[in-house]
Amino acid sequence: MAVAEPALTPALRRTPTDTPVVAGIVADGFSCQTQIAHLQDGGPPARHLAEVIDAAMGSNLMHPSEEDTP
């Protein structure tokens, strides 16, 4: 975690809590997402690239509603 202190941690703390998914933090690995969650002070969660693309396309395949399921 000491490696993150010079740049990553301050940037994470400056990220607004209402940052949309398409403009948020991208981290494909589970361990990276977990470490970012530990470094943040209530900021938006890190998302997998597939989730960001899904949100940008508006397809909502990652989180279908009951209407979307066959």
N, C-alpha and C. Protein backbone atom coordinates (compact mmCIF):
# COMPACT_ATOMS: atom_id res chain seq x y z
N MET A 1 0.81 -1.20 0.00
CA MET A 1 0.00 0.00 0.00
C MET A 1 0.86 1.27 0.00
N ALA A 2 2.09 1.16 0.47
CA ALA A 2 2.96 2.34 0.50
C ALA A 2 3.26 2.86 -0.90
N VAL A 3 3.24 1.97 -1.89
CA VAL A 3 3.49 2.39 -3.28
C VAL A 3 2.38 3.32 -3.76
N ALA A 4 1.18 3.14 -3.27
CA ALA A 4 0.03 3.94 -3.71
C ALA A 4 0.01 5.34 -3.09
N GLU A 5 0.70 5.54 -2.00
CA GLU A 5 0.61 6.81 -1.27
C GLU A 5 1.00 8.05 -2.07
N PRO A 6 2.05 8.05 -2.89
CA PRO A 6 2.43 9.28 -3.58
C PRO A 6 1.39 9.82 -4.57
N ALA A 7 0.70 8.95 -5.30
CA ALA A 7 -0.19 9.45 -6.34
C ALA A 7 -1.59 8.83 -6.31
N LEU A 8 -1.67 7.51 -6.20
CA LEU A 8 -2.97 6.84 -6.31
C LEU A 8 -3.91 7.19 -5.17
N THR A 9 -3.43 7.09 -3.95
CA THR A 9 -4.31 7.35 -2.80
C THR A 9 -4.87 8.77 -2.80
N PRO A 10 -4.06 9.81 -3.03
CA PRO A 10 -4.65 11.16 -3.08
C PRO A 10 -5.68 11.32 -4.21
N ALA A 11 -5.42 10.69 -5.35
CA ALA A 11 -6.38 10.78 -6.46
C ALA A 11 -7.68 10.08 -6.11
N LEU A 12 -7.60 8.94 -5.45
CA LEU A 12 -8.82 8.23 -5.04
C LEU A 12 -9.62 9.05 -4.04
N ARG A 13 -8.95 9.71 -3.15
CA ARG A 13 -9.65 10.51 -2.14
C ARG A 13 -10.31 11.74 -2.74
N ARG A 14 -9.80 12.21 -3.88
CA ARG A 14 -10.39 13.38 -4.55
C ARG A 14 -11.55 12.99 -5.47
N THR A 15 -11.75 11.70 -5.73
CA THR A 15 -12.82 11.26 -6.63
C THR A 15 -14.16 11.45 -5.95
N PRO A 16 -15.06 12.24 -6.55
CA PRO A 16 -16.37 12.46 -5.93
C PRO A 16 -17.14 11.15 -5.78
N THR A 17 -17.95 11.06 -4.73
CA THR A 17 -18.70 9.83 -4.47
C THR A 17 -19.80 9.60 -5.50
N ASP A 18 -20.19 10.63 -6.23
CA ASP A 18 -21.26 10.47 -7.23
C ASP A 18 -20.71 10.36 -8.65
N THR A 19 -19.46 9.94 -8.78
CA THR A 19 -18.85 9.79 -10.10
C THR A 19 -19.56 8.68 -10.87
N PRO A 20 -20.00 8.97 -12.12
CA PRO A 20 -20.67 7.92 -12.89
C PRO A 20 -19.71 6.80 -13.27
N VAL A 21 -20.26 5.62 -13.53
CA VAL A 21 -19.45 4.44 -13.84
C VAL A 21 -18.54 4.70 -15.03
N VAL A 22 -19.05 5.37 -16.07
CA VAL A 22 -18.24 5.56 -17.27
C VAL A 22 -17.09 6.53 -17.06
N ALA A 23 -17.09 7.27 -15.97
CA ALA A 23 -16.00 8.19 -15.69
C ALA A 23 -15.26 7.82 -14.42
N GLY A 24 -15.50 6.63 -13.93
CA GLY A 24 -14.95 6.23 -12.64
C GLY A 24 -13.60 5.56 -12.73
N ILE A 25 -13.34 4.71 -11.77
CA ILE A 25 -12.06 4.03 -11.62
C ILE A 25 -12.16 2.64 -12.23
N VAL A 26 -11.23 2.32 -13.13
CA VAL A 26 -11.23 1.02 -13.79
C VAL A 26 -10.11 0.17 -13.22
N ALA A 27 -10.47 -1.01 -12.74
CA ALA A 27 -9.50 -1.99 -12.24
C ALA A 27 -10.05 -3.37 -12.55
N ASP A 28 -9.39 -4.08 -13.44
CA ASP A 28 -9.91 -5.36 -13.90
C ASP A 28 -9.73 -6.49 -12.88
N GLY A 29 -8.71 -6.43 -12.06
CA GLY A 29 -8.44 -7.51 -11.12
C GLY A 29 -9.20 -7.36 -9.81
N PHE A 30 -9.62 -8.49 -9.26
CA PHE A 30 -10.35 -8.46 -7.99
C PHE A 30 -9.49 -7.89 -6.87
N SER A 31 -8.22 -8.28 -6.83
CA SER A 31 -7.35 -7.79 -5.76
C SER A 31 -7.12 -6.29 -5.90
N CYS A 32 -7.02 -5.80 -7.13
CA CYS A 32 -6.87 -4.36 -7.34
C CYS A 32 -8.11 -3.62 -6.87
N GLN A 33 -9.28 -4.15 -7.20
CA GLN A 33 -10.53 -3.53 -6.76
C GLN A 33 -10.63 -3.52 -5.24
N THR A 34 -10.21 -4.60 -4.60
CA THR A 34 -10.25 -4.70 -3.15
C THR A 34 -9.30 -3.70 -2.51
N GLN A 35 -8.09 -3.59 -3.04
CA GLN A 35 -7.12 -2.63 -2.49
C GLN A 35 -7.60 -1.21 -2.67
N ILE A 36 -8.20 -0.89 -3.81
CA ILE A 36 -8.73 0.46 -4.03
C ILE A 36 -9.85 0.74 -3.04
N ALA A 37 -10.71 -0.23 -2.78
CA ALA A 37 -11.79 -0.04 -1.81
C ALA A 37 -11.23 0.26 -0.42
N HIS A 38 -10.12 -0.38 -0.06
CA HIS A 38 -9.50 -0.13 1.25
C HIS A 38 -8.85 1.25 1.31
N LEU A 39 -8.38 1.76 0.18
CA LEU A 39 -7.71 3.06 0.16
C LEU A 39 -8.69 4.22 0.11
N GLN A 40 -9.89 3.97 -0.37
CA GLN A 40 -10.86 5.05 -0.54
C GLN A 40 -11.55 5.40 0.77
N ASP A 41 -12.04 6.62 0.79
CA ASP A 41 -12.86 7.08 1.91
C ASP A 41 -14.30 7.25 1.42
N GLY A 42 -14.93 6.13 1.07
CA GLY A 42 -16.32 6.18 0.63
C GLY A 42 -16.52 6.61 -0.80
N GLY A 43 -15.51 6.54 -1.62
CA GLY A 43 -15.63 6.92 -3.02
C GLY A 43 -16.32 5.85 -3.84
N PRO A 44 -16.44 6.09 -5.14
CA PRO A 44 -17.11 5.10 -6.00
C PRO A 44 -16.27 3.84 -6.12
N PRO A 45 -16.91 2.70 -6.28
CA PRO A 45 -16.15 1.45 -6.39
C PRO A 45 -15.41 1.37 -7.72
N ALA A 46 -14.30 0.67 -7.73
CA ALA A 46 -13.59 0.40 -8.97
C ALA A 46 -14.41 -0.60 -9.77
N ARG A 47 -14.45 -0.42 -11.07
CA ARG A 47 -15.25 -1.28 -11.94
C ARG A 47 -14.35 -2.03 -12.91
N HIS A 48 -14.81 -3.19 -13.32
CA HIS A 48 -14.14 -3.95 -14.37
C HIS A 48 -14.40 -3.25 -15.69
N LEU A 49 -13.46 -3.35 -16.62
CA LEU A 49 -13.60 -2.69 -17.92
C LEU A 49 -14.89 -3.10 -18.61
N ALA A 50 -15.29 -4.36 -18.49
CA ALA A 50 -16.53 -4.83 -19.11
C ALA A 50 -17.74 -4.09 -18.55
N GLU A 51 -17.73 -3.77 -17.26
CA GLU A 51 -18.84 -3.02 -16.66
C GLU A 51 -18.89 -1.59 -17.20
N VAL A 52 -17.73 -0.98 -17.38
CA VAL A 52 -17.66 0.39 -17.90
C VAL A 52 -18.17 0.43 -19.34
N ILE A 53 -17.74 -0.53 -20.16
CA ILE A 53 -18.20 -0.58 -21.55
C ILE A 53 -19.70 -0.82 -21.59
N ASP A 54 -20.19 -1.72 -20.76
CA ASP A 54 -21.61 -2.01 -20.69
C ASP A 54 -22.41 -0.76 -20.34
N ALA A 55 -21.94 -0.03 -19.35
CA ALA A 55 -22.64 1.19 -18.94
C ALA A 55 -22.59 2.25 -20.04
N ALA A 56 -21.45 2.36 -20.72
CA ALA A 56 -21.30 3.36 -21.78
C ALA A 56 -22.21 3.04 -22.96
N MET A 57 -22.41 1.76 -23.23
CA MET A 57 -23.27 1.35 -24.34
C MET A 57 -24.74 1.38 -23.96
N GLY A 58 -25.02 1.47 -22.67
CA GLY A 58 -26.39 1.52 -22.20
C GLY A 58 -27.11 0.19 -22.29
N SER A 59 -26.35 -0.89 -22.45
CA SER A 59 -26.99 -2.20 -22.62
C SER A 59 -27.42 -2.82 -21.30
N ASN A 60 -26.75 -2.48 -20.22
CA ASN A 60 -27.10 -2.97 -18.88
C ASN A 60 -27.09 -4.49 -18.80
N LEU A 61 -26.22 -5.15 -19.56
CA LEU A 61 -26.13 -6.60 -19.52
C LEU A 61 -25.56 -7.11 -18.21
N MET A 62 -24.72 -6.31 -17.55
CA MET A 62 -24.08 -6.74 -16.32
C MET A 62 -25.08 -6.80 -15.17
N HIS A 63 -26.11 -5.98 -15.21
CA HIS A 63 -27.10 -5.92 -14.14
C HIS A 63 -28.50 -5.85 -14.75
N PRO A 64 -28.97 -6.95 -15.36
CA PRO A 64 -30.29 -6.91 -16.01
C PRO A 64 -31.41 -6.76 -14.98
N SER A 65 -32.44 -6.07 -15.41
CA SER A 65 -33.63 -5.97 -14.55
C SER A 65 -34.52 -7.18 -14.83
N GLU A 66 -35.57 -7.31 -14.07
CA GLU A 66 -36.47 -8.44 -14.25
C GLU A 66 -37.13 -8.38 -15.64
N GLU A 67 -37.30 -7.17 -16.17
CA GLU A 67 -37.90 -7.01 -17.49
C GLU A 67 -37.00 -7.57 -18.60
N ASP A 68 -35.66 -7.56 -18.36
CA ASP A 68 -34.71 -7.99 -19.37
C ASP A 68 -34.51 -9.49 -19.41
N THR A 69 -34.93 -10.20 -18.37
CA THR A 69 -34.69 -11.63 -18.33
C THR A 69 -35.81 -12.38 -19.04
N PRO A 70 -35.44 -13.41 -19.80
CA PRO A 70 -36.48 -14.15 -20.57
C PRO A 70 -37.39 -14.96 -19.69
